[in-house]
Amino acid sequence: MQNLSEGVLAYVGYDGDAAVPGRCPSRVDDAIGTRVREVISYADEHRPGEGEELFEWANRVSREVGGRFPELDEQALIAIRALVSFEWR
């Protein structure tokens, strides 16, 4: 069974199985899927501020997600940063 960080990595494809970050909900164990979707949904609520650089914004989103879900490890937060910055472009 995946923990929350492993679930986020699998969902984003940041565990080595994808060339670019994306959304792969079928790769997440059912037992943790609801929590992973909560994390992704929370990240999706954020929008860059006026004049905010993409990388700065993605870092801010990652920090805010980490504050709300402190059980996420650094790799999961990097995956969130990659997902939001890639999709915003």
Protein backbone atom coordinates (compact mmCIF):
# COMPACT_ATOMS: atom_id res chain seq x y z
CA MET A 1 0.00 0.00 0.00
CA GLN A 2 1.25 3.49 -0.89
CA ASN A 3 1.72 6.25 1.63
CA LEU A 4 0.55 9.76 0.72
CA SER A 5 3.91 10.85 -0.73
CA GLU A 6 4.17 7.71 -2.86
CA GLY A 7 0.61 8.26 -4.05
CA VAL A 8 1.36 11.84 -5.10
CA LEU A 9 4.51 10.72 -6.93
CA ALA A 10 2.56 8.01 -8.77
CA TYR A 11 -0.35 10.35 -9.60
CA VAL A 12 1.96 12.99 -11.06
CA GLY A 13 4.12 10.37 -12.78
CA TYR A 14 7.12 11.76 -10.98
CA ASP A 15 8.27 8.31 -9.91
CA GLY A 16 10.17 7.73 -13.13
CA ASP A 17 7.34 6.44 -15.30
CA ALA A 18 6.52 9.68 -17.14
CA ALA A 19 8.63 12.04 -19.22
CA VAL A 20 6.60 15.07 -18.10
CA PRO A 21 4.41 15.64 -15.06
CA GLY A 22 0.74 14.88 -15.55
CA ARG A 23 -2.31 13.34 -13.95
CA CYS A 24 -2.50 9.56 -13.72
CA PRO A 25 -5.13 8.72 -11.07
CA SER A 26 -5.22 5.07 -12.12
CA ARG A 27 -1.66 4.64 -10.80
CA VAL A 28 -2.74 5.41 -7.23
CA ASP A 29 -3.89 2.75 -4.76
CA ASP A 30 -7.59 3.00 -3.93
CA ALA A 31 -6.78 3.18 -0.22
CA ILE A 32 -4.91 6.50 -0.58
CA GLY A 33 -6.60 7.89 -3.71
CA THR A 34 -9.01 10.20 -1.89
CA ARG A 35 -6.19 11.85 0.06
CA VAL A 36 -4.06 12.22 -3.08
CA ARG A 37 -6.95 13.92 -4.85
CA GLU A 38 -7.31 16.27 -1.85
CA VAL A 39 -3.64 17.25 -2.19
CA ILE A 40 -3.91 17.83 -5.93
CA SER A 41 -7.19 19.73 -5.56
CA TYR A 42 -5.64 22.00 -2.94
CA ALA A 43 -2.67 22.71 -5.23
CA ASP A 44 -5.09 23.44 -8.10
CA GLU A 45 -6.80 26.16 -6.06
CA HIS A 46 -3.73 28.39 -6.31
CA ARG A 47 -3.14 30.94 -9.05
CA PRO A 48 -0.07 33.08 -9.64
CA GLY A 49 -0.19 36.61 -8.32
CA GLU A 50 0.06 39.62 -10.60
CA GLY A 51 3.62 39.78 -11.90
CA GLU A 52 4.68 36.67 -9.94
CA GLU A 53 7.30 34.57 -11.72
CA LEU A 54 6.20 31.02 -12.56
CA PHE A 55 9.00 29.37 -10.57
CA GLU A 56 8.36 31.59 -7.52
CA TRP A 57 4.65 30.80 -7.71
CA ALA A 58 5.24 27.05 -8.04
CA ASN A 59 7.58 27.17 -5.02
CA ARG A 60 4.92 29.04 -3.04
CA VAL A 61 2.27 26.46 -3.98
CA SER A 62 4.61 23.65 -2.96
CA ARG A 63 5.28 25.29 0.44
CA GLU A 64 1.57 25.89 1.04
CA VAL A 65 0.71 22.30 0.12
CA GLY A 66 3.47 21.12 2.48
CA GLY A 67 2.02 23.28 5.25
CA ARG A 68 -1.43 21.82 4.78
CA PHE A 69 -0.20 18.23 4.33
CA PRO A 70 2.91 17.99 6.53
CA GLU A 71 3.18 14.22 5.97
CA LEU A 72 4.35 14.84 2.39
CA ASP A 73 8.06 14.36 1.85
CA GLU A 74 10.33 16.61 -0.20
CA GLN A 75 10.02 14.50 -3.38
CA ALA A 76 6.23 14.74 -3.30
CA LEU A 77 6.44 18.53 -2.93
CA ILE A 78 8.86 18.69 -5.85
CA ALA A 79 6.34 16.68 -7.89
CA ILE A 80 3.57 19.14 -6.96
CA ARG A 81 5.81 22.04 -7.99
CA ALA A 82 6.56 20.33 -11.33
CA LEU A 83 2.88 19.58 -11.98
CA VAL A 84 1.54 23.07 -11.31
CA SER A 85 4.34 24.85 -13.17
CA PHE A 86 4.16 22.51 -16.18
CA GLU A 87 0.39 22.76 -16.48
CA TRP A 88 0.28 26.54 -16.00
CA ARG A 89 2.59 27.15 -18.95
